[in-house]
Amino acid sequence: VQVTESGGGLVQAGGSLRLSCTASGFTFHTRGMAWYRQAPGKEREMVASISSDSGVIDWTPSVEGRFFISRDNTKRAVYLQMTSLKPEDTARYYCNTQYDPESWGLGTQVTVSS
């Protein structure tokens, strides 16, 4: 599994960002994918997940209604549209398979200022 995340940055509270992830090294269109995040001093958590055919989407309660996950199997890509960002969303964001995540990418840093 190889993944490359991009799109992070510094944004003010209430702002928006769109993260992108491209993946290789596995049969992308058969695997559920997810975005994860890890804040300093905290464990990595799953933020949102999407099934292989985009039919099932789930998210952690703290981002419900604000974050939206999507994928394009033709591009082997997963996206995370983040709106109404809060300072507590500050973290490094990673994408990986939904189940049994393997090699982690470098992630992309999201910093939300108050």
PDB file of N, CA and C in Angstrom:
ATOM      1  N   VAL A   1       0.842  -1.186   0.000  1.00  0.00           N
ATOM      2  CA  VAL A   1       0.000   0.000   0.000  1.00  0.00           C
ATOM      3  C   VAL A   1       0.880   1.239   0.000  1.00  0.00           C
ATOM      4  N   GLN A   2       0.602   2.106  -0.931  1.00  0.00           N
ATOM      5  CA  GLN A   2       1.275   3.411  -0.940  1.00  0.00           C
ATOM      6  C   GLN A   2       0.209   4.488  -1.082  1.00  0.00           C
ATOM      7  N   VAL A   3       0.275   5.489  -0.224  1.00  0.00           N
ATOM      8  CA  VAL A   3      -0.680   6.580  -0.274  1.00  0.00           C
ATOM      9  C   VAL A   3       0.066   7.903  -0.183  1.00  0.00           C
ATOM     10  N   THR A   4      -0.496   8.910  -0.835  1.00  0.00           N
ATOM     11  CA  THR A   4       0.062  10.249  -0.793  1.00  0.00           C
ATOM     12  C   THR A   4      -1.071  11.230  -0.535  1.00  0.00           C
ATOM     13  N   GLU A   5      -0.961  11.940   0.572  1.00  0.00           N
ATOM     14  CA  GLU A   5      -1.973  12.911   0.958  1.00  0.00           C
ATOM     15  C   GLU A   5      -1.512  14.324   0.637  1.00  0.00           C
ATOM     16  N   SER A   6      -2.474  15.185   0.337  1.00  0.00           N
ATOM     17  CA  SER A   6      -2.164  16.591   0.061  1.00  0.00           C
ATOM     18  C   SER A   6      -3.375  17.454   0.375  1.00  0.00           C
ATOM     19  N   GLY A   7      -3.146  18.761   0.392  1.00  0.00           N
ATOM     20  CA  GLY A   7      -4.251  19.692   0.555  1.00  0.00           C
ATOM     21  C   GLY A   7      -4.364  20.355   1.905  1.00  0.00           C
ATOM     22  N   GLY A   8      -3.521  19.958   2.842  1.00  0.00           N
ATOM     23  CA  GLY A   8      -3.590  20.574   4.158  1.00  0.00           C
ATOM     24  C   GLY A   8      -3.077  22.002   4.139  1.00  0.00           C
ATOM     25  N   GLY A   9      -3.191  22.655   5.284  1.00  0.00           N
ATOM     26  CA  GLY A   9      -2.713  24.029   5.383  1.00  0.00           C
ATOM     27  C   GLY A   9      -3.198  24.684   6.648  1.00  0.00           C
ATOM     28  N   LEU A  10      -2.967  25.986   6.711  1.00  0.00           N
ATOM     29  CA  LEU A  10      -3.398  26.794   7.848  1.00  0.00           C
ATOM     30  C   LEU A  10      -4.661  27.542   7.446  1.00  0.00           C
ATOM     31  N   VAL A  11      -5.682  27.432   8.267  1.00  0.00           N
ATOM     32  CA  VAL A  11      -6.955  28.067   7.966  1.00  0.00           C
ATOM     33  C   VAL A  11      -7.567  28.605   9.248  1.00  0.00           C
ATOM     34  N   GLN A  12      -8.337  29.656   9.130  1.00  0.00           N
ATOM     35  CA  GLN A  12      -9.021  30.198  10.295  1.00  0.00           C
ATOM     36  C   GLN A  12     -10.247  29.362  10.633  1.00  0.00           C
ATOM     37  N   ALA A  13     -10.643  29.396  11.877  1.00  0.00           N
ATOM     38  CA  ALA A  13     -11.855  28.703  12.301  1.00  0.00           C
ATOM     39  C   ALA A  13     -13.028  29.137  11.432  1.00  0.00           C
ATOM     40  N   GLY A  14     -13.824  28.159  11.039  1.00  0.00           N
ATOM     41  CA  GLY A  14     -14.950  28.427  10.157  1.00  0.00           C
ATOM     42  C   GLY A  14     -14.628  28.241   8.689  1.00  0.00           C
ATOM     43  N   GLY A  15     -13.353  28.092   8.389  1.00  0.00           N
ATOM     44  CA  GLY A  15     -12.928  27.941   7.003  1.00  0.00           C
ATOM     45  C   GLY A  15     -13.067  26.517   6.502  1.00  0.00           C
ATOM     46  N   SER A  16     -12.602  26.315   5.269  1.00  0.00           N
ATOM     47  CA  SER A  16     -12.730  25.016   4.618  1.00  0.00           C
ATOM     48  C   SER A  16     -11.409  24.593   3.980  1.00  0.00           C
ATOM     49  N   LEU A  17     -11.241  23.312   3.859  1.00  0.00           N
ATOM     50  CA  LEU A  17     -10.113  22.728   3.144  1.00  0.00           C
ATOM     51  C   LEU A  17     -10.580  21.455   2.460  1.00  0.00           C
ATOM     52  N   ARG A  18      -9.912  21.111   1.378  1.00  0.00           N
ATOM     53  CA  ARG A  18     -10.195  19.850   0.696  1.00  0.00           C
ATOM     54  C   ARG A  18      -8.920  19.042   0.612  1.00  0.00           C
ATOM     55  N   LEU A  19      -8.931  17.900   1.253  1.00  0.00           N
ATOM     56  CA  LEU A  19      -7.784  17.008   1.229  1.00  0.00           C
ATOM     57  C   LEU A  19      -7.936  15.995   0.116  1.00  0.00           C
ATOM     58  N   SER A  20      -6.812  15.620  -0.463  1.00  0.00           N
ATOM     59  CA  SER A  20      -6.801  14.616  -1.525  1.00  0.00           C
ATOM     60  C   SER A  20      -5.816  13.517  -1.173  1.00  0.00           C
ATOM     61  N   CYS A  21      -6.103  12.335  -1.674  1.00  0.00           N
ATOM     62  CA  CYS A  21      -5.227  11.190  -1.436  1.00  0.00           C
ATOM     63  C   CYS A  21      -5.216  10.332  -2.687  1.00  0.00           C
ATOM     64  N   THR A  22      -4.044   9.950  -3.119  1.00  0.00           N
ATOM     65  CA  THR A  22      -3.934   8.983  -4.205  1.00  0.00           C
ATOM     66  C   THR A  22      -3.261   7.731  -3.658  1.00  0.00           C
ATOM     67  N   ALA A  23      -3.693   6.593  -4.154  1.00  0.00           N
ATOM     68  CA  ALA A  23      -3.229   5.323  -3.607  1.00  0.00           C
ATOM     69  C   ALA A  23      -2.763   4.389  -4.712  1.00  0.00           C
ATOM     70  N   SER A  24      -1.851   3.518  -4.351  1.00  0.00           N
ATOM     71  CA  SER A  24      -1.367   2.510  -5.289  1.00  0.00           C
ATOM     72  C   SER A  24      -0.908   1.286  -4.505  1.00  0.00           C
ATOM     73  N   GLY A  25      -0.633   0.214  -5.220  1.00  0.00           N
ATOM     74  CA  GLY A  25      -0.105  -0.972  -4.582  1.00  0.00           C
ATOM     75  C   GLY A  25      -1.132  -1.980  -4.132  1.00  0.00           C
ATOM     76  N   PHE A  26      -2.391  -1.719  -4.436  1.00  0.00           N
ATOM     77  CA  PHE A  26      -3.446  -2.664  -4.107  1.00  0.00           C
ATOM     78  C   PHE A  26      -4.625  -2.404  -5.034  1.00  0.00           C
ATOM     79  N   THR A  27      -5.596  -3.315  -4.981  1.00  0.00           N
ATOM     80  CA  THR A  27      -6.769  -3.193  -5.850  1.00  0.00           C
ATOM     81  C   THR A  27      -7.710  -2.175  -5.246  1.00  0.00           C
ATOM     82  N   PHE A  28      -7.518  -0.941  -5.627  1.00  0.00           N
ATOM     83  CA  PHE A  28      -8.177   0.190  -4.978  1.00  0.00           C
ATOM     84  C   PHE A  28      -9.695   0.063  -4.981  1.00  0.00           C
ATOM     85  N   HIS A  29     -10.274  -0.292  -6.110  1.00  0.00           N
ATOM     86  CA  HIS A  29     -11.726  -0.234  -6.238  1.00  0.00           C
ATOM     87  C   HIS A  29     -12.444  -1.322  -5.441  1.00  0.00           C
ATOM     88  N   THR A  30     -11.692  -2.229  -4.837  1.00  0.00           N
ATOM     89  CA  THR A  30     -12.314  -3.280  -4.035  1.00  0.00           C
ATOM     90  C   THR A  30     -12.213  -3.007  -2.533  1.00  0.00           C
ATOM     91  N   ARG A  31     -11.533  -1.931  -2.169  1.00  0.00           N
ATOM     92  CA  ARG A  31     -11.258  -1.684  -0.751  1.00  0.00           C
ATOM     93  C   ARG A  31     -11.970  -0.444  -0.245  1.00  0.00           C
ATOM     94  N   GLY A  32     -12.549  -0.570   0.937  1.00  0.00           N
ATOM     95  CA  GLY A  32     -13.036   0.616   1.614  1.00  0.00           C
ATOM     96  C   GLY A  32     -11.856   1.486   2.008  1.00  0.00           C
ATOM     97  N   MET A  33     -12.065   2.775   1.995  1.00  0.00           N
ATOM     98  CA  MET A  33     -10.999   3.713   2.327  1.00  0.00           C
ATOM     99  C   MET A  33     -11.453   4.622   3.461  1.00  0.00           C
ATOM    100  N   ALA A  34     -10.497   5.240   4.111  1.00  0.00           N
ATOM    101  CA  ALA A  34     -10.825   6.104   5.246  1.00  0.00           C
ATOM    102  C   ALA A  34      -9.802   7.212   5.391  1.00  0.00           C
ATOM    103  N   TRP A  35     -10.235   8.275   6.006  1.00  0.00           N
ATOM    104  CA  TRP A  35      -9.339   9.329   6.448  1.00  0.00           C
ATOM    105  C   TRP A  35      -9.180   9.193   7.963  1.00  0.00           C
ATOM    106  N   TYR A  36      -7.971   9.368   8.413  1.00  0.00           N
ATOM    107  CA  TYR A  36      -7.627   9.309   9.821  1.00  0.00           C
ATOM    108  C   TYR A  36      -6.930  10.630  10.180  1.00  0.00           C
ATOM    109  N   ARG A  37      -6.866  10.901  11.459  1.00  0.00           N
ATOM    110  CA  ARG A  37      -6.101  12.059  11.907  1.00  0.00           C
ATOM    111  C   ARG A  37      -5.450  11.764  13.244  1.00  0.00           C
ATOM    112  N   GLN A  38      -4.361  12.460  13.475  1.00  0.00           N
ATOM    113  CA  GLN A  38      -3.659  12.313  14.743  1.00  0.00           C
ATOM    114  C   GLN A  38      -3.206  13.687  15.204  1.00  0.00           C
ATOM    115  N   ALA A  39      -3.690  14.079  16.350  1.00  0.00           N
ATOM    116  CA  ALA A  39      -3.286  15.338  16.965  1.00  0.00           C
ATOM    117  C   ALA A  39      -2.132  15.074  17.921  1.00  0.00           C
ATOM    118  N   PRO A  40      -1.324  16.072  18.203  1.00  0.00           N
ATOM    119  CA  PRO A  40      -0.191  15.884  19.119  1.00  0.00           C
ATOM    120  C   PRO A  40      -0.645  15.317  20.458  1.00  0.00           C
ATOM    121  N   GLY A  41       0.020  14.255  20.880  1.00  0.00           N
ATOM    122  CA  GLY A  41      -0.296  13.658  22.168  1.00  0.00           C
ATOM    123  C   GLY A  41      -1.529  12.778  22.185  1.00  0.00           C
ATOM    124  N   LYS A  42      -2.144  12.583  21.030  1.00  0.00           N
ATOM    125  CA  LYS A  42      -3.351  11.768  20.966  1.00  0.00           C
ATOM    126  C   LYS A  42      -3.158  10.594  20.013  1.00  0.00           C
ATOM    127  N   GLU A  43      -3.990   9.599  20.167  1.00  0.00           N
ATOM    128  CA  GLU A  43      -3.938   8.452  19.273  1.00  0.00           C
ATOM    129  C   GLU A  43      -4.584   8.794  17.927  1.00  0.00           C
ATOM    130  N   ARG A  44      -4.163   8.064  16.924  1.00  0.00           N
ATOM    131  CA  ARG A  44      -4.756   8.258  15.610  1.00  0.00           C
ATOM    132  C   ARG A  44      -6.199   7.771  15.647  1.00  0.00           C
ATOM    133  N   GLU A  45      -7.094   8.522  15.033  1.00  0.00           N
ATOM    134  CA  GLU A  45      -8.502   8.150  15.007  1.00  0.00           C
ATOM    135  C   GLU A  45      -9.023   8.198  13.575  1.00  0.00           C
ATOM    136  N   MET A  46     -10.009   7.359  13.306  1.00  0.00           N
ATOM    137  CA  MET A  46     -10.653   7.390  12.010  1.00  0.00           C
ATOM    138  C   MET A  46     -11.640   8.554  11.980  1.00  0.00           C
ATOM    139  N   VAL A  47     -11.579   9.356  10.941  1.00  0.00           N
ATOM    140  CA  VAL A  47     -12.448  10.520  10.809  1.00  0.00           C
ATOM    141  C   VAL A  47     -13.668  10.193   9.964  1.00  0.00           C
ATOM    142  N   ALA A  48     -13.431   9.541   8.835  1.00  0.00           N
ATOM    143  CA  ALA A  48     -14.518   9.208   7.927  1.00  0.00           C
ATOM    144  C   ALA A  48     -14.110   8.014   7.091  1.00  0.00           C
ATOM    145  N   SER A  49     -15.087   7.227   6.681  1.00  0.00           N
ATOM    146  CA  SER A  49     -14.798   6.067   5.852  1.00  0.00           C
ATOM    147  C   SER A  49     -15.807   5.983   4.717  1.00  0.00           C
ATOM    148  N   ILE A  50     -15.397   5.298   3.658  1.00  0.00           N
ATOM    149  CA  ILE A  50     -16.261   5.152   2.487  1.00  0.00           C
ATOM    150  C   ILE A  50     -16.029   3.769   1.903  1.00  0.00           C
ATOM    151  N   SER A  51     -17.108   3.089   1.584  1.00  0.00           N
ATOM    152  CA  SER A  51     -16.998   1.739   1.047  1.00  0.00           C
ATOM    153  C   SER A  51     -16.468   1.767  -0.386  1.00  0.00           C
ATOM    154  N   SER A  52     -16.148   0.608  -0.896  1.00  0.00           N
ATOM    155  CA  SER A  52     -15.508   0.513  -2.209  1.00  0.00           C
ATOM    156  C   SER A  52     -16.343   1.134  -3.322  1.00  0.00           C
ATOM    157  N   ASP A  53     -17.668   1.027  -3.197  1.00  0.00           N
ATOM    158  CA  ASP A  53     -18.557   1.560  -4.238  1.00  0.00           C
ATOM    159  C   ASP A  53     -19.214   2.875  -3.822  1.00  0.00           C
ATOM    160  N   SER A  54     -18.717   3.475  -2.765  1.00  0.00           N
ATOM    161  CA  SER A  54     -19.235   4.737  -2.216  1.00  0.00           C
ATOM    162  C   SER A  54     -20.645   4.601  -1.657  1.00  0.00           C
ATOM    163  N   GLY A  55     -21.101   3.370  -1.497  1.00  0.00           N
ATOM    164  CA  GLY A  55     -22.461   3.188  -1.032  1.00  0.00           C
ATOM    165  C   GLY A  55     -22.650   3.362   0.462  1.00  0.00           C
ATOM    166  N   VAL A  56     -21.592   3.154   1.214  1.00  0.00           N
ATOM    167  CA  VAL A  56     -21.682   3.273   2.663  1.00  0.00           C
ATOM    168  C   VAL A  56     -20.639   4.268   3.136  1.00  0.00           C
ATOM    169  N   ILE A  57     -21.083   5.287   3.799  1.00  0.00           N
ATOM    170  CA  ILE A  57     -20.194   6.319   4.312  1.00  0.00           C
ATOM    171  C   ILE A  57     -20.436   6.460   5.809  1.00  0.00           C
ATOM    172  N   ASP A  58     -19.376   6.628   6.548  1.00  0.00           N
ATOM    173  CA  ASP A  58     -19.493   6.788   7.996  1.00  0.00           C
ATOM    174  C   ASP A  58     -18.482   7.834   8.451  1.00  0.00           C
ATOM    175  N   TRP A  59     -18.724   8.395   9.615  1.00  0.00           N
ATOM    176  CA  TRP A  59     -17.801   9.416  10.138  1.00  0.00           C
ATOM    177  C   TRP A  59     -17.882   9.434  11.638  1.00  0.00           C
ATOM    178  N   THR A  60     -16.872   9.972  12.258  1.00  0.00           N
ATOM    179  CA  THR A  60     -16.892  10.106  13.692  1.00  0.00           C
ATOM    180  C   THR A  60     -17.846  11.250  14.057  1.00  0.00           C
ATOM    181  N   PRO A  61     -18.554  11.149  15.169  1.00  0.00           N
ATOM    182  CA  PRO A  61     -19.573  12.143  15.499  1.00  0.00           C
ATOM    183  C   PRO A  61     -19.078  13.590  15.516  1.00  0.00           C
ATOM    184  N   SER A  62     -17.851  13.802  15.869  1.00  0.00           N
ATOM    185  CA  SER A  62     -17.356  15.183  15.993  1.00  0.00           C
ATOM    186  C   SER A  62     -17.261  15.917  14.650  1.00  0.00           C
ATOM    187  N   VAL A  63     -17.311  15.183  13.554  1.00  0.00           N
ATOM    188  CA  VAL A  63     -17.211  15.841  12.242  1.00  0.00           C
ATOM    189  C   VAL A  63     -18.493  15.704  11.425  1.00  0.00           C
ATOM    190  N   GLU A  64     -19.495  15.065  11.994  1.00  0.00           N
ATOM    191  CA  GLU A  64     -20.743  14.847  11.264  1.00  0.00           C
ATOM    192  C   GLU A  64     -21.357  16.172  10.824  1.00  0.00           C
ATOM    193  N   GLY A  65     -21.725  16.232   9.554  1.00  0.00           N
ATOM    194  CA  GLY A  65     -22.316  17.441   9.008  1.00  0.00           C
ATOM    195  C   GLY A  65     -21.308  18.490   8.588  1.00  0.00           C
ATOM    196  N   ARG A  66     -20.040  18.267   8.883  1.00  0.00           N
ATOM    197  CA  ARG A  66     -18.997  19.242   8.511  1.00  0.00           C
ATOM    198  C   ARG A  66     -17.996  18.666   7.519  1.00  0.00           C
ATOM    199  N   PHE A  67     -17.689  17.387   7.637  1.00  0.00           N
ATOM    200  CA  PHE A  67     -16.721  16.727   6.765  1.00  0.00           C
ATOM    201  C   PHE A  67     -17.450  15.777   5.821  1.00  0.00           C
ATOM    202  N   PHE A  68     -16.959  15.726   4.582  1.00  0.00           N
ATOM    203  CA  PHE A  68     -17.594  14.881   3.585  1.00  0.00           C
ATOM    204  C   PHE A  68     -16.519  14.124   2.824  1.00  0.00           C
ATOM    205  N   ILE A  69     -16.657  12.810   2.799  1.00  0.00           N
ATOM    206  CA  ILE A  69     -15.674  11.960   2.138  1.00  0.00           C
ATOM    207  C   ILE A  69     -16.228  11.501   0.795  1.00  0.00           C
ATOM    208  N   SER A  70     -15.356  11.400  -0.185  1.00  0.00           N
ATOM    209  CA  SER A  70     -15.745  10.900  -1.499  1.00  0.00           C
ATOM    210  C   SER A  70     -14.552  10.202  -2.130  1.00  0.00           C
ATOM    211  N   ARG A  71     -14.800   9.505  -3.215  1.00  0.00           N
ATOM    212  CA  ARG A  71     -13.717   8.794  -3.890  1.00  0.00           C
ATOM    213  C   ARG A  71     -13.985   8.754  -5.384  1.00  0.00           C
ATOM    214  N   ASP A  72     -12.915   8.584  -6.120  1.00  0.00           N
ATOM    215  CA  ASP A  72     -12.985   8.413  -7.572  1.00  0.00           C
ATOM    216  C   ASP A  72     -12.138   7.192  -7.903  1.00  0.00           C
ATOM    217  N   ASN A  73     -12.792   6.080  -8.139  1.00  0.00           N
ATOM    218  CA  ASN A  73     -12.055   4.844  -8.379  1.00  0.00           C
ATOM    219  C   ASN A  73     -11.244   4.900  -9.669  1.00  0.00           C
ATOM    220  N   THR A  74     -11.671   5.694 -10.635  1.00  0.00           N
ATOM    221  CA  THR A  74     -10.925   5.802 -11.883  1.00  0.00           C
ATOM    222  C   THR A  74      -9.590   6.507 -11.675  1.00  0.00           C
ATOM    223  N   LYS A  75      -9.518   7.323 -10.648  1.00  0.00           N
ATOM    224  CA  LYS A  75      -8.284   8.048 -10.343  1.00  0.00           C
ATOM    225  C   LYS A  75      -7.579   7.480  -9.129  1.00  0.00           C
ATOM    226  N   ARG A  76      -8.116   6.431  -8.546  1.00  0.00           N
ATOM    227  CA  ARG A  76      -7.543   5.846  -7.335  1.00  0.00           C
ATOM    228  C   ARG A  76      -7.366   6.944  -6.273  1.00  0.00           C
ATOM    229  N   ALA A  77      -8.373   7.734  -6.117  1.00  0.00           N
ATOM    230  CA  ALA A  77      -8.280   8.893  -5.232  1.00  0.00           C
ATOM    231  C   ALA A  77      -9.413   8.925  -4.221  1.00  0.00           C
ATOM    232  N   VAL A  78      -9.097   9.490  -3.070  1.00  0.00           N
ATOM    233  CA  VAL A  78     -10.078   9.711  -2.001  1.00  0.00           C
ATOM    234  C   VAL A  78      -9.964  11.171  -1.580  1.00  0.00           C
ATOM    235  N   TYR A  79     -11.081  11.768  -1.277  1.00  0.00           N
ATOM    236  CA  TYR A  79     -11.102  13.185  -0.927  1.00  0.00           C
ATOM    237  C   TYR A  79     -11.801  13.379   0.421  1.00  0.00           C
ATOM    238  N   LEU A  80     -11.421  14.441   1.096  1.00  0.00           N
ATOM    239  CA  LEU A  80     -12.100  14.828   2.325  1.00  0.00           C
ATOM    240  C   LEU A  80     -12.364  16.325   2.258  1.00  0.00           C
ATOM    241  N   GLN A  81     -13.608  16.676   2.077  1.00  0.00           N
ATOM    242  CA  GLN A  81     -14.014  18.076   2.094  1.00  0.00           C
ATOM    243  C   GLN A  81     -14.329  18.448   3.529  1.00  0.00           C
ATOM    244  N   MET A  82     -13.618  19.409   4.052  1.00  0.00           N
ATOM    245  CA  MET A  82     -13.792  19.811   5.437  1.00  0.00           C
ATOM    246  C   MET A  82     -14.329  21.229   5.480  1.00  0.00           C
ATOM    247  N   THR A  83     -15.444  21.413   6.141  1.00  0.00           N
ATOM    248  CA  THR A  83     -16.056  22.730   6.269  1.00  0.00           C
ATOM    249  C   THR A  83     -16.250  23.069   7.735  1.00  0.00           C
ATOM    250  N   SER A  84     -16.535  24.333   7.997  1.00  0.00           N
ATOM    251  CA  SER A  84     -16.759  24.800   9.371  1.00  0.00           C
ATOM    252  C   SER A  84     -15.674  24.282  10.294  1.00  0.00           C
ATOM    253  N   LEU A  85     -14.450  24.427   9.897  1.00  0.00           N
ATOM    254  CA  LEU A  85     -13.334  23.887  10.668  1.00  0.00           C
ATOM    255  C   LEU A  85     -13.217  24.544  12.032  1.00  0.00           C
ATOM    256  N   LYS A  86     -12.799  23.731  12.990  1.00  0.00           N
ATOM    257  CA  LYS A  86     -12.640  24.176  14.369  1.00  0.00           C
ATOM    258  C   LYS A  86     -11.183  23.965  14.797  1.00  0.00           C
ATOM    259  N   PRO A  87     -10.732  24.712  15.788  1.00  0.00           N
ATOM    260  CA  PRO A  87      -9.358  24.506  16.271  1.00  0.00           C
ATOM    261  C   PRO A  87      -9.093  23.057  16.678  1.00  0.00           C
ATOM    262  N   GLU A  88     -10.090  22.389  17.194  1.00  0.00           N
ATOM    263  CA  GLU A  88      -9.894  20.995  17.607  1.00  0.00           C
ATOM    264  C   GLU A  88      -9.745  20.034  16.432  1.00  0.00           C
ATOM    265  N   ASP A  89      -9.935  20.517  15.213  1.00  0.00           N
ATOM    266  CA  ASP A  89      -9.677  19.696  14.031  1.00  0.00           C
ATOM    267  C   ASP A  89      -8.194  19.702  13.658  1.00  0.00           C
ATOM    268  N   THR A  90      -7.420  20.529  14.341  1.00  0.00           N
ATOM    269  CA  THR A  90      -5.988  20.587  14.065  1.00  0.00           C
ATOM    270  C   THR A  90      -5.354  19.226  14.305  1.00  0.00           C
ATOM    271  N   ALA A  91      -4.698  18.704  13.293  1.00  0.00           N
ATOM    272  CA  ALA A  91      -4.090  17.373  13.361  1.00  0.00           C
ATOM    273  C   ALA A  91      -3.376  17.091  12.039  1.00  0.00           C
ATOM    274  N   ARG A  92      -2.658  16.001  12.030  1.00  0.00           N
ATOM    275  CA  ARG A  92      -2.100  15.508  10.777  1.00  0.00           C
ATOM    276  C   ARG A  92      -3.100  14.481  10.242  1.00  0.00           C
ATOM    277  N   TYR A  93      -3.465  14.625   8.994  1.00  0.00           N
ATOM    278  CA  TYR A  93      -4.490  13.789   8.395  1.00  0.00           C
ATOM    279  C   TYR A  93      -3.858  12.781   7.434  1.00  0.00           C
ATOM    280  N   TYR A  94      -4.340  11.559   7.539  1.00  0.00           N
ATOM    281  CA  TYR A  94      -3.826  10.452   6.734  1.00  0.00           C
ATOM    282  C   TYR A  94      -4.976   9.733   6.044  1.00  0.00           C
ATOM    283  N   CYS A  95      -4.704   9.141   4.906  1.00  0.00           N
ATOM    284  CA  CYS A  95      -5.691   8.239   4.326  1.00  0.00           C
ATOM    285  C   CYS A  95      -5.092   6.840   4.285  1.00  0.00           C
ATOM    286  N   ASN A  96      -5.948   5.857   4.291  1.00  0.00           N
ATOM    287  CA  ASN A  96      -5.515   4.468   4.231  1.00  0.00           C
ATOM    288  C   ASN A  96      -6.740   3.609   3.996  1.00  0.00           C
ATOM    289  N   THR A  97      -6.531   2.320   3.909  1.00  0.00           N
ATOM    290  CA  THR A  97      -7.657   1.426   3.769  1.00  0.00           C
ATOM    291  C   THR A  97      -8.499   1.460   5.051  1.00  0.00           C
ATOM    292  N   GLN A  98      -9.772   1.173   4.895  1.00  0.00           N
ATOM    293  CA  GLN A  98     -10.683   1.237   6.030  1.00  0.00           C
ATOM    294  C   GLN A  98     -10.395   0.124   7.038  1.00  0.00           C
ATOM    295  N   TYR A  99     -10.081  -1.038   6.554  1.00  0.00           N
ATOM    296  CA  TYR A  99      -9.785  -2.175   7.425  1.00  0.00           C
ATOM    297  C   TYR A  99      -8.334  -2.598   7.214  1.00  0.00           C
ATOM    298  N   ASP A 100      -7.703  -2.995   8.260  1.00  0.00           N
ATOM    299  CA  ASP A 100      -6.314  -3.464   8.228  1.00  0.00           C
ATOM    300  C   ASP A 100      -5.398  -2.484   7.502  1.00  0.00           C
ATOM    301  N   PRO A 101      -5.384  -1.212   7.908  1.00  0.00           N
ATOM    302  CA  PRO A 101      -4.474  -0.274   7.244  1.00  0.00           C
ATOM    303  C   PRO A 101      -3.031  -0.738   7.347  1.00  0.00           C
ATOM    304  N   GLU A 102      -2.310  -0.581   6.273  1.00  0.00           N
ATOM    305  CA  GLU A 102      -0.928  -1.057   6.232  1.00  0.00           C
ATOM    306  C   GLU A 102       0.031   0.132   6.283  1.00  0.00           C
ATOM    307  N   SER A 103       0.835   0.311   5.265  1.00  0.00           N
ATOM    308  CA  SER A 103       1.843   1.367   5.287  1.00  0.00           C
ATOM    309  C   SER A 103       1.177   2.737   5.301  1.00  0.00           C
ATOM    310  N   TRP A 104       1.639   3.573   6.200  1.00  0.00           N
ATOM    311  CA  TRP A 104       1.087   4.914   6.311  1.00  0.00           C
ATOM    312  C   TRP A 104       1.933   5.894   5.493  1.00  0.00           C
ATOM    313  N   GLY A 105       1.253   6.860   4.887  1.00  0.00           N
ATOM    314  CA  GLY A 105       1.951   7.922   4.183  1.00  0.00           C
ATOM    315  C   GLY A 105       2.432   8.974   5.163  1.00  0.00           C
ATOM    316  N   LEU A 106       2.927  10.070   4.627  1.00  0.00           N
ATOM    317  CA  LEU A 106       3.418  11.157   5.463  1.00  0.00           C
ATOM    318  C   LEU A 106       2.299  11.993   6.041  1.00  0.00           C
ATOM    319  N   GLY A 107       1.115  11.889   5.446  1.00  0.00           N
ATOM    320  CA  GLY A 107       0.003  12.701   5.916  1.00  0.00           C
ATOM    321  C   GLY A 107       0.108  14.136   5.440  1.00  0.00           C
ATOM    322  N   THR A 108      -0.904  14.911   5.811  1.00  0.00           N
ATOM    323  CA  THR A 108      -0.912  16.337   5.483  1.00  0.00           C
ATOM    324  C   THR A 108      -1.417  17.093   6.705  1.00  0.00           C
ATOM    325  N   GLN A 109      -0.712  18.153   7.050  1.00  0.00           N
ATOM    326  CA  GLN A 109      -1.013  18.874   8.279  1.00  0.00           C
ATOM    327  C   GLN A 109      -2.155  19.863   8.060  1.00  0.00           C
ATOM    328  N   VAL A 110      -3.105  19.828   8.967  1.00  0.00           N
ATOM    329  CA  VAL A 110      -4.206  20.796   8.987  1.00  0.00           C
ATOM    330  C   VAL A 110      -4.127  21.545  10.309  1.00  0.00           C
ATOM    331  N   THR A 111      -4.022  22.849  10.213  1.00  0.00           N
ATOM    332  CA  THR A 111      -3.954  23.690  11.403  1.00  0.00           C
ATOM    333  C   THR A 111      -5.067  24.727  11.321  1.00  0.00           C
ATOM    334  N   VAL A 112      -5.906  24.732  12.345  1.00  0.00           N
ATOM    335  CA  VAL A 112      -7.031  25.661  12.387  1.00  0.00           C
ATOM    336  C   VAL A 112      -6.804  26.658  13.508  1.00  0.00           C
ATOM    337  N   SER A 113      -6.717  27.907  13.155  1.00  0.00           N
ATOM    338  CA  SER A 113      -6.484  28.950  14.152  1.00  0.00           C
ATOM    339  C   SER A 113      -7.818  29.526  14.632  1.00  0.00           C
ATOM    340  N   SER A 114      -7.821  29.933  15.883  1.00  0.00           N
ATOM    341  CA  SER A 114      -9.068  30.472  16.467  1.00  0.00           C
ATOM    342  C   SER A 114      -9.176  31.970  16.240  1.00  0.00           C
TER     343      SER A 114
END
